[in-house]
Amino acid sequence: MLAAKGVSQFKKDGYFVIPAVIDAVLNRRLGAFVAGIASGAGSRRLLDQAWCAHLAGALRGDARIRSLLPRDAVAVQCTLFNKSPTKNWLVALHQDLSIPVSNRVDGPECSGWSEKEGQMYVQPPASVLERLVAVRVHIDDCAAESGALRVVPHSHMDGRLEPSQAEALRQQHGETVVPVAQGGVLVMRPLLLHASSKATSATPRRVLHFVFGPPSLPLGLEWQWAA
């Protein structure tokens, strides 16, 4: 189990790095699974694959990670981000506001409906987003030159933010680069402001980005997957 100091830091900052969660043997297997995924910058629909659902259960079973997850948490999404010299991009400062659901529900509290890779996404109220936790599994070393995340500490405490509010918080708290070694995980709140630069090194940066949440949703919404 994670020490109380670590849990407190996660609640305060909105992120926490846990090293050496994935051992070398499992990491090589993950690399092989990822290599079999269709080419491109990544995929959002991995939880329907047995290896990915099994990994979600292993992450949830790690006492250190479990200390930071919601009670009775289930994995609801896994996205592969595969950044390399030939597939390189930057991401502007933002919050993760959309979740994958099985069907569309009409109502004023749900907005931003979209479809990606044949999957329905919605932006639910902040009260739903505040209950989610992302767990980023690093298959490769991820230093600043590999496009490591830059985060604005504490910004997850302010709910959904307008661009002007986001910039004000960046000016107030500054940005922190969060390097993660191979096999480590970055646990973070989706409402935490974060960004990433283009990689400047020739090494790959493969990340499996899991989202964990409560087993059920309000407003008639239902998860597409719950592993």
C-alpha atoms as a PDB file:
ATOM      1  CA  MET A   1       0.000   0.000   0.000  1.00  0.00           C
ATOM      2  CA  LEU A   2       1.160   3.526  -0.749  1.00  0.00           C
ATOM      3  CA  ALA A   3       2.300   5.494   2.288  1.00  0.00           C
ATOM      4  CA  ALA A   4      -0.075   8.138   3.623  1.00  0.00           C
ATOM      5  CA  LYS A   5       2.329  10.839   2.436  1.00  0.00           C
ATOM      6  CA  GLY A   6       2.015   9.603  -1.151  1.00  0.00           C
ATOM      7  CA  VAL A   7      -1.782   9.528  -1.003  1.00  0.00           C
ATOM      8  CA  SER A   8      -1.786  13.038   0.432  1.00  0.00           C
ATOM      9  CA  GLN A   9       0.543  14.271  -2.305  1.00  0.00           C
ATOM     10  CA  PHE A  10      -1.676  12.743  -4.989  1.00  0.00           C
ATOM     11  CA  LYS A  11      -4.761  14.459  -3.568  1.00  0.00           C
ATOM     12  CA  LYS A  12      -2.915  17.778  -3.424  1.00  0.00           C
ATOM     13  CA  ASP A  13      -0.989  17.749  -6.711  1.00  0.00           C
ATOM     14  CA  GLY A  14      -3.324  15.623  -8.836  1.00  0.00           C
ATOM     15  CA  TYR A  15      -0.572  13.231  -9.947  1.00  0.00           C
ATOM     16  CA  PHE A  16       1.925  10.748  -8.526  1.00  0.00           C
ATOM     17  CA  VAL A  17       4.643   8.564 -10.073  1.00  0.00           C
ATOM     18  CA  ILE A  18       5.013   4.951  -8.919  1.00  0.00           C
ATOM     19  CA  PRO A  19       8.225   3.316 -10.213  1.00  0.00           C
ATOM     20  CA  ALA A  20       8.831  -0.297 -11.235  1.00  0.00           C
ATOM     21  CA  VAL A  21       5.215  -1.460 -11.419  1.00  0.00           C
ATOM     22  CA  ILE A  22       5.841  -3.499 -14.580  1.00  0.00           C
ATOM     23  CA  ASP A  23       8.765  -5.920 -14.485  1.00  0.00           C
ATOM     24  CA  ALA A  24      11.087  -6.524 -17.431  1.00  0.00           C
ATOM     25  CA  VAL A  25       9.414  -9.767 -18.543  1.00  0.00           C
ATOM     26  CA  LEU A  26       5.914  -8.306 -18.609  1.00  0.00           C
ATOM     27  CA  ASN A  27       7.223  -5.148 -20.252  1.00  0.00           C
ATOM     28  CA  ARG A  28       8.638  -7.177 -23.161  1.00  0.00           C
ATOM     29  CA  ARG A  29       5.267  -8.898 -23.547  1.00  0.00           C
ATOM     30  CA  LEU A  30       3.486  -5.543 -23.568  1.00  0.00           C
ATOM     31  CA  GLY A  31       5.885  -4.331 -26.223  1.00  0.00           C
ATOM     32  CA  ALA A  32       4.998  -7.358 -28.358  1.00  0.00           C
ATOM     33  CA  PHE A  33       1.250  -6.763 -27.928  1.00  0.00           C
ATOM     34  CA  VAL A  34       1.632  -3.093 -28.801  1.00  0.00           C
ATOM     35  CA  ALA A  35       3.700  -3.956 -31.878  1.00  0.00           C
ATOM     36  CA  GLY A  36       0.747  -5.976 -33.157  1.00  0.00           C
ATOM     37  CA  ILE A  37      -1.619  -3.018 -33.047  1.00  0.00           C
ATOM     38  CA  ALA A  38      -2.368  -1.296 -36.339  1.00  0.00           C
ATOM     39  CA  SER A  39       0.103   1.401 -37.320  1.00  0.00           C
ATOM     40  CA  GLY A  40      -0.544   4.986 -36.361  1.00  0.00           C
ATOM     41  CA  ALA A  41      -0.162   7.236 -33.355  1.00  0.00           C
ATOM     42  CA  GLY A  42      -2.254   4.914 -31.188  1.00  0.00           C
ATOM     43  CA  SER A  43      -5.644   3.402 -30.482  1.00  0.00           C
ATOM     44  CA  ARG A  44      -8.441   4.086 -27.993  1.00  0.00           C
ATOM     45  CA  ARG A  45     -10.136   0.674 -28.114  1.00  0.00           C
ATOM     46  CA  LEU A  46      -7.896  -1.787 -26.314  1.00  0.00           C
ATOM     47  CA  LEU A  47      -9.941  -2.974 -23.340  1.00  0.00           C
ATOM     48  CA  ASP A  48     -11.814  -5.469 -25.496  1.00  0.00           C
ATOM     49  CA  GLN A  49      -8.521  -7.344 -25.943  1.00  0.00           C
ATOM     50  CA  ALA A  50      -7.858 -10.036 -23.336  1.00  0.00           C
ATOM     51  CA  TRP A  51      -4.258  -9.009 -22.593  1.00  0.00           C
ATOM     52  CA  CYS A  52      -5.326  -5.429 -21.918  1.00  0.00           C
ATOM     53  CA  ALA A  53      -8.227  -6.381 -19.646  1.00  0.00           C
ATOM     54  CA  HIS A  54      -5.837  -8.687 -17.745  1.00  0.00           C
ATOM     55  CA  LEU A  55      -3.339  -5.855 -17.333  1.00  0.00           C
ATOM     56  CA  ALA A  56      -6.106  -3.575 -16.036  1.00  0.00           C
ATOM     57  CA  GLY A  57      -6.858  -6.151 -13.344  1.00  0.00           C
ATOM     58  CA  ALA A  58      -3.170  -6.414 -12.434  1.00  0.00           C
ATOM     59  CA  LEU A  59      -2.898  -2.636 -12.087  1.00  0.00           C
ATOM     60  CA  ARG A  60      -5.984  -2.531  -9.891  1.00  0.00           C
ATOM     61  CA  GLY A  61      -4.514  -5.341  -7.804  1.00  0.00           C
ATOM     62  CA  ASP A  62      -1.287  -3.425  -7.104  1.00  0.00           C
ATOM     63  CA  ALA A  63      -1.717  -2.105  -3.562  1.00  0.00           C
ATOM     64  CA  ARG A  64       0.111   1.139  -4.325  1.00  0.00           C
ATOM     65  CA  ILE A  65      -2.136   1.963  -7.284  1.00  0.00           C
ATOM     66  CA  ARG A  66      -5.272   0.742  -5.510  1.00  0.00           C
ATOM     67  CA  SER A  67      -4.624   3.310  -2.769  1.00  0.00           C
ATOM     68  CA  LEU A  68      -5.249   6.059  -5.344  1.00  0.00           C
ATOM     69  CA  LEU A  69      -8.262   4.572  -7.149  1.00  0.00           C
ATOM     70  CA  PRO A  70     -11.972   5.072  -6.435  1.00  0.00           C
ATOM     71  CA  ARG A  71     -13.645   2.418  -4.312  1.00  0.00           C
ATOM     72  CA  ASP A  72     -14.697  -0.589  -6.435  1.00  0.00           C
ATOM     73  CA  ALA A  73     -12.943   0.978  -9.432  1.00  0.00           C
ATOM     74  CA  VAL A  74     -13.276  -0.581 -12.872  1.00  0.00           C
ATOM     75  CA  ALA A  75     -11.172   0.078 -15.957  1.00  0.00           C
ATOM     76  CA  VAL A  76     -13.306   1.897 -18.531  1.00  0.00           C
ATOM     77  CA  GLN A  77     -10.785   2.790 -21.223  1.00  0.00           C
ATOM     78  CA  CYS A  78      -7.252   2.079 -22.410  1.00  0.00           C
ATOM     79  CA  THR A  79      -5.555   4.176 -25.057  1.00  0.00           C
ATOM     80  CA  LEU A  80      -2.183   3.554 -26.653  1.00  0.00           C
ATOM     81  CA  PHE A  81      -0.064   6.634 -27.289  1.00  0.00           C
ATOM     82  CA  ASN A  82       2.804   5.669 -29.576  1.00  0.00           C
ATOM     83  CA  LYS A  83       5.113   8.656 -30.108  1.00  0.00           C
ATOM     84  CA  SER A  84       8.230   8.172 -32.216  1.00  0.00           C
ATOM     85  CA  PRO A  85      10.397  10.125 -34.683  1.00  0.00           C
ATOM     86  CA  THR A  86       7.982   9.174 -37.491  1.00  0.00           C
ATOM     87  CA  LYS A  87       4.808   9.686 -35.418  1.00  0.00           C
ATOM     88  CA  ASN A  88       5.505  12.828 -33.466  1.00  0.00           C
ATOM     89  CA  TRP A  89       3.104  15.424 -32.150  1.00  0.00           C
ATOM     90  CA  LEU A  90       2.553  17.999 -29.455  1.00  0.00           C
ATOM     91  CA  VAL A  91      -0.492  18.396 -27.234  1.00  0.00           C
ATOM     92  CA  ALA A  92      -1.558  21.802 -25.974  1.00  0.00           C
ATOM     93  CA  LEU A  93      -2.520  22.390 -22.345  1.00  0.00           C
ATOM     94  CA  HIS A  94      -5.873  20.720 -21.677  1.00  0.00           C
ATOM     95  CA  GLN A  95      -8.037  18.594 -19.397  1.00  0.00           C
ATOM     96  CA  ASP A  96      -9.404  15.160 -20.352  1.00  0.00           C
ATOM     97  CA  LEU A  97     -13.146  15.821 -20.469  1.00  0.00           C
ATOM     98  CA  SER A  98     -14.625  12.995 -22.557  1.00  0.00           C
ATOM     99  CA  ILE A  99     -15.523   9.449 -21.511  1.00  0.00           C
ATOM    100  CA  PRO A 100     -16.541   6.412 -23.627  1.00  0.00           C
ATOM    101  CA  VAL A 101     -20.166   5.333 -23.189  1.00  0.00           C
ATOM    102  CA  SER A 102     -22.375   2.697 -24.766  1.00  0.00           C
ATOM    103  CA  ASN A 103     -25.196   4.946 -25.916  1.00  0.00           C
ATOM    104  CA  ARG A 104     -26.296   8.553 -26.282  1.00  0.00           C
ATOM    105  CA  VAL A 105     -28.479  10.067 -23.562  1.00  0.00           C
ATOM    106  CA  ASP A 106     -30.226  13.373 -24.105  1.00  0.00           C
ATOM    107  CA  GLY A 107     -29.960  15.900 -21.306  1.00  0.00           C
ATOM    108  CA  PRO A 108     -28.536  19.340 -20.579  1.00  0.00           C
ATOM    109  CA  GLU A 109     -25.826  17.971 -18.274  1.00  0.00           C
ATOM    110  CA  CYS A 110     -24.149  15.996 -21.070  1.00  0.00           C
ATOM    111  CA  SER A 111     -22.389  17.792 -23.912  1.00  0.00           C
ATOM    112  CA  GLY A 112     -19.699  17.459 -26.537  1.00  0.00           C
ATOM    113  CA  TRP A 113     -20.981  14.214 -28.020  1.00  0.00           C
ATOM    114  CA  SER A 114     -18.568  12.725 -30.559  1.00  0.00           C
ATOM    115  CA  GLU A 115     -17.601   9.463 -32.216  1.00  0.00           C
ATOM    116  CA  LYS A 116     -14.015   8.185 -32.396  1.00  0.00           C
ATOM    117  CA  GLU A 117     -13.018   4.793 -33.820  1.00  0.00           C
ATOM    118  CA  GLY A 118     -16.700   3.858 -33.866  1.00  0.00           C
ATOM    119  CA  GLN A 119     -17.055   4.616 -30.146  1.00  0.00           C
ATOM    120  CA  MET A 120     -19.422   7.168 -28.579  1.00  0.00           C
ATOM    121  CA  TYR A 121     -17.890   9.802 -26.281  1.00  0.00           C
ATOM    122  CA  VAL A 122     -19.492  12.449 -24.090  1.00  0.00           C
ATOM    123  CA  GLN A 123     -18.395  15.227 -21.762  1.00  0.00           C
ATOM    124  CA  PRO A 124     -20.231  14.527 -18.480  1.00  0.00           C
ATOM    125  CA  PRO A 125     -20.544  16.934 -15.537  1.00  0.00           C
ATOM    126  CA  ALA A 126     -17.408  17.727 -13.540  1.00  0.00           C
ATOM    127  CA  SER A 127     -18.825  15.689 -10.649  1.00  0.00           C
ATOM    128  CA  VAL A 128     -18.356  12.557 -12.787  1.00  0.00           C
ATOM    129  CA  LEU A 129     -14.890  13.508 -14.032  1.00  0.00           C
ATOM    130  CA  GLU A 130     -13.736  14.143 -10.461  1.00  0.00           C
ATOM    131  CA  ARG A 131     -14.283  10.466  -9.675  1.00  0.00           C
ATOM    132  CA  LEU A 132     -11.958   9.216 -12.424  1.00  0.00           C
ATOM    133  CA  VAL A 133      -8.270   8.321 -12.181  1.00  0.00           C
ATOM    134  CA  ALA A 134      -5.897   7.726 -15.090  1.00  0.00           C
ATOM    135  CA  VAL A 135      -3.000   5.256 -14.852  1.00  0.00           C
ATOM    136  CA  ARG A 136      -0.331   5.700 -17.526  1.00  0.00           C
ATOM    137  CA  VAL A 137       1.878   2.621 -18.001  1.00  0.00           C
ATOM    138  CA  HIS A 138       5.241   3.502 -19.565  1.00  0.00           C
ATOM    139  CA  ILE A 139       6.632   0.793 -21.825  1.00  0.00           C
ATOM    140  CA  ASP A 140       9.671   2.969 -22.569  1.00  0.00           C
ATOM    141  CA  ASP A 141      11.720   5.450 -20.582  1.00  0.00           C
ATOM    142  CA  CYS A 142      10.037   8.812 -20.883  1.00  0.00           C
ATOM    143  CA  ALA A 143      12.216  11.843 -20.243  1.00  0.00           C
ATOM    144  CA  ALA A 144      11.568  15.447 -21.245  1.00  0.00           C
ATOM    145  CA  GLU A 145      13.160  14.894 -24.661  1.00  0.00           C
ATOM    146  CA  SER A 146      10.812  11.936 -25.269  1.00  0.00           C
ATOM    147  CA  GLY A 147       7.717  14.098 -24.831  1.00  0.00           C
ATOM    148  CA  ALA A 148       7.022  13.536 -21.134  1.00  0.00           C
ATOM    149  CA  LEU A 149       3.884  15.137 -19.776  1.00  0.00           C
ATOM    150  CA  ARG A 150       4.004  18.664 -18.423  1.00  0.00           C
ATOM    151  CA  VAL A 151       1.411  19.214 -15.709  1.00  0.00           C
ATOM    152  CA  VAL A 152       0.060  22.146 -13.700  1.00  0.00           C
ATOM    153  CA  PRO A 153      -0.009  20.921 -10.083  1.00  0.00           C
ATOM    154  CA  HIS A 154      -3.237  21.434  -8.100  1.00  0.00           C
ATOM    155  CA  SER A 155      -5.236  22.415 -11.214  1.00  0.00           C
ATOM    156  CA  HIS A 156      -7.551  19.396 -10.873  1.00  0.00           C
ATOM    157  CA  MET A 157      -9.200  21.059  -7.878  1.00  0.00           C
ATOM    158  CA  ASP A 158     -10.865  23.789  -9.934  1.00  0.00           C
ATOM    159  CA  GLY A 159     -13.323  21.723 -11.979  1.00  0.00           C
ATOM    160  CA  ARG A 160     -13.768  22.258 -15.704  1.00  0.00           C
ATOM    161  CA  LEU A 161     -11.736  25.242 -16.801  1.00  0.00           C
ATOM    162  CA  GLU A 162     -12.119  27.855 -19.500  1.00  0.00           C
ATOM    163  CA  PRO A 163      -8.962  28.615 -21.515  1.00  0.00           C
ATOM    164  CA  SER A 164      -8.412  31.879 -19.641  1.00  0.00           C
ATOM    165  CA  GLN A 165      -8.688  30.074 -16.311  1.00  0.00           C
ATOM    166  CA  ALA A 166      -6.263  27.385 -17.470  1.00  0.00           C
ATOM    167  CA  GLU A 167      -3.682  29.967 -18.457  1.00  0.00           C
ATOM    168  CA  ALA A 168      -4.117  31.810 -15.152  1.00  0.00           C
ATOM    169  CA  LEU A 169      -3.478  28.588 -13.232  1.00  0.00           C
ATOM    170  CA  ARG A 170      -0.402  27.873 -15.344  1.00  0.00           C
ATOM    171  CA  GLN A 171       0.916  31.324 -14.479  1.00  0.00           C
ATOM    172  CA  GLN A 172       0.118  30.797 -10.798  1.00  0.00           C
ATOM    173  CA  HIS A 173       1.452  27.262 -10.312  1.00  0.00           C
ATOM    174  CA  GLY A 174       3.853  26.863 -13.239  1.00  0.00           C
ATOM    175  CA  GLU A 175       4.396  23.672 -15.228  1.00  0.00           C
ATOM    176  CA  THR A 176       6.160  20.566 -13.993  1.00  0.00           C
ATOM    177  CA  VAL A 177       7.761  18.033 -16.347  1.00  0.00           C
ATOM    178  CA  VAL A 178       7.004  14.490 -15.163  1.00  0.00           C
ATOM    179  CA  PRO A 179       9.599  11.964 -16.411  1.00  0.00           C
ATOM    180  CA  VAL A 180       8.771   8.295 -15.847  1.00  0.00           C
ATOM    181  CA  ALA A 181      11.186   5.396 -16.164  1.00  0.00           C
ATOM    182  CA  GLN A 182      10.402   2.253 -18.142  1.00  0.00           C
ATOM    183  CA  GLY A 183       7.948   0.060 -16.240  1.00  0.00           C
ATOM    184  CA  GLY A 184       6.746   2.907 -14.039  1.00  0.00           C
ATOM    185  CA  VAL A 185       3.291   4.445 -13.963  1.00  0.00           C
ATOM    186  CA  LEU A 186       1.999   7.965 -13.700  1.00  0.00           C
ATOM    187  CA  VAL A 187      -1.289   8.152 -11.808  1.00  0.00           C
ATOM    188  CA  MET A 188      -3.224  11.352 -12.453  1.00  0.00           C
ATOM    189  CA  ARG A 189      -6.595  13.030 -12.298  1.00  0.00           C
ATOM    190  CA  PRO A 190      -8.090  13.624 -15.772  1.00  0.00           C
ATOM    191  CA  LEU A 191      -9.037  17.178 -14.740  1.00  0.00           C
ATOM    192  CA  LEU A 192      -5.360  17.972 -14.103  1.00  0.00           C
ATOM    193  CA  LEU A 193      -4.123  20.424 -16.724  1.00  0.00           C
ATOM    194  CA  HIS A 194      -1.485  18.690 -18.824  1.00  0.00           C
ATOM    195  CA  ALA A 195       0.378  18.994 -22.109  1.00  0.00           C
ATOM    196  CA  SER A 196       3.277  17.391 -23.955  1.00  0.00           C
ATOM    197  CA  SER A 197       5.880  18.589 -26.418  1.00  0.00           C
ATOM    198  CA  LYS A 198       7.109  16.864 -29.544  1.00  0.00           C
ATOM    199  CA  ALA A 199       9.837  14.335 -28.861  1.00  0.00           C
ATOM    200  CA  THR A 200      13.326  15.503 -29.724  1.00  0.00           C
ATOM    201  CA  SER A 201      15.037  12.147 -29.191  1.00  0.00           C
ATOM    202  CA  ALA A 202      15.047   9.141 -31.524  1.00  0.00           C
ATOM    203  CA  THR A 203      13.722   6.744 -28.867  1.00  0.00           C
ATOM    204  CA  PRO A 204      10.048   5.699 -28.862  1.00  0.00           C
ATOM    205  CA  ARG A 205       7.576   6.768 -26.192  1.00  0.00           C
ATOM    206  CA  ARG A 206       4.857   4.145 -25.852  1.00  0.00           C
ATOM    207  CA  VAL A 207       2.287   4.680 -23.126  1.00  0.00           C
ATOM    208  CA  LEU A 208      -0.817   2.689 -22.221  1.00  0.00           C
ATOM    209  CA  HIS A 209      -3.244   5.203 -20.744  1.00  0.00           C
ATOM    210  CA  PHE A 210      -5.880   3.479 -18.581  1.00  0.00           C
ATOM    211  CA  VAL A 211      -8.883   5.255 -17.098  1.00  0.00           C
ATOM    212  CA  PHE A 212     -10.509   3.865 -13.949  1.00  0.00           C
ATOM    213  CA  GLY A 213     -13.859   4.975 -12.615  1.00  0.00           C
ATOM    214  CA  PRO A 214     -16.863   3.941 -10.528  1.00  0.00           C
ATOM    215  CA  PRO A 215     -18.749   0.835 -11.690  1.00  0.00           C
ATOM    216  CA  SER A 216     -21.878   2.811 -12.600  1.00  0.00           C
ATOM    217  CA  LEU A 217     -22.650   6.267 -13.962  1.00  0.00           C
ATOM    218  CA  PRO A 218     -25.457   8.764 -13.267  1.00  0.00           C
ATOM    219  CA  LEU A 219     -27.841  10.415 -15.764  1.00  0.00           C
ATOM    220  CA  GLY A 220     -28.655   7.140 -17.538  1.00  0.00           C
ATOM    221  CA  LEU A 221     -25.114   6.839 -18.929  1.00  0.00           C
ATOM    222  CA  GLU A 222     -23.436   3.434 -19.157  1.00  0.00           C
ATOM    223  CA  TRP A 223     -19.813   2.474 -19.733  1.00  0.00           C
ATOM    224  CA  GLN A 224     -18.967   0.764 -22.995  1.00  0.00           C
ATOM    225  CA  TRP A 225     -16.389  -1.387 -21.192  1.00  0.00           C
ATOM    226  CA  ALA A 226     -15.895  -2.169 -17.529  1.00  0.00           C
ATOM    227  CA  ALA A 227     -12.921  -4.489 -16.902  1.00  0.00           C
END
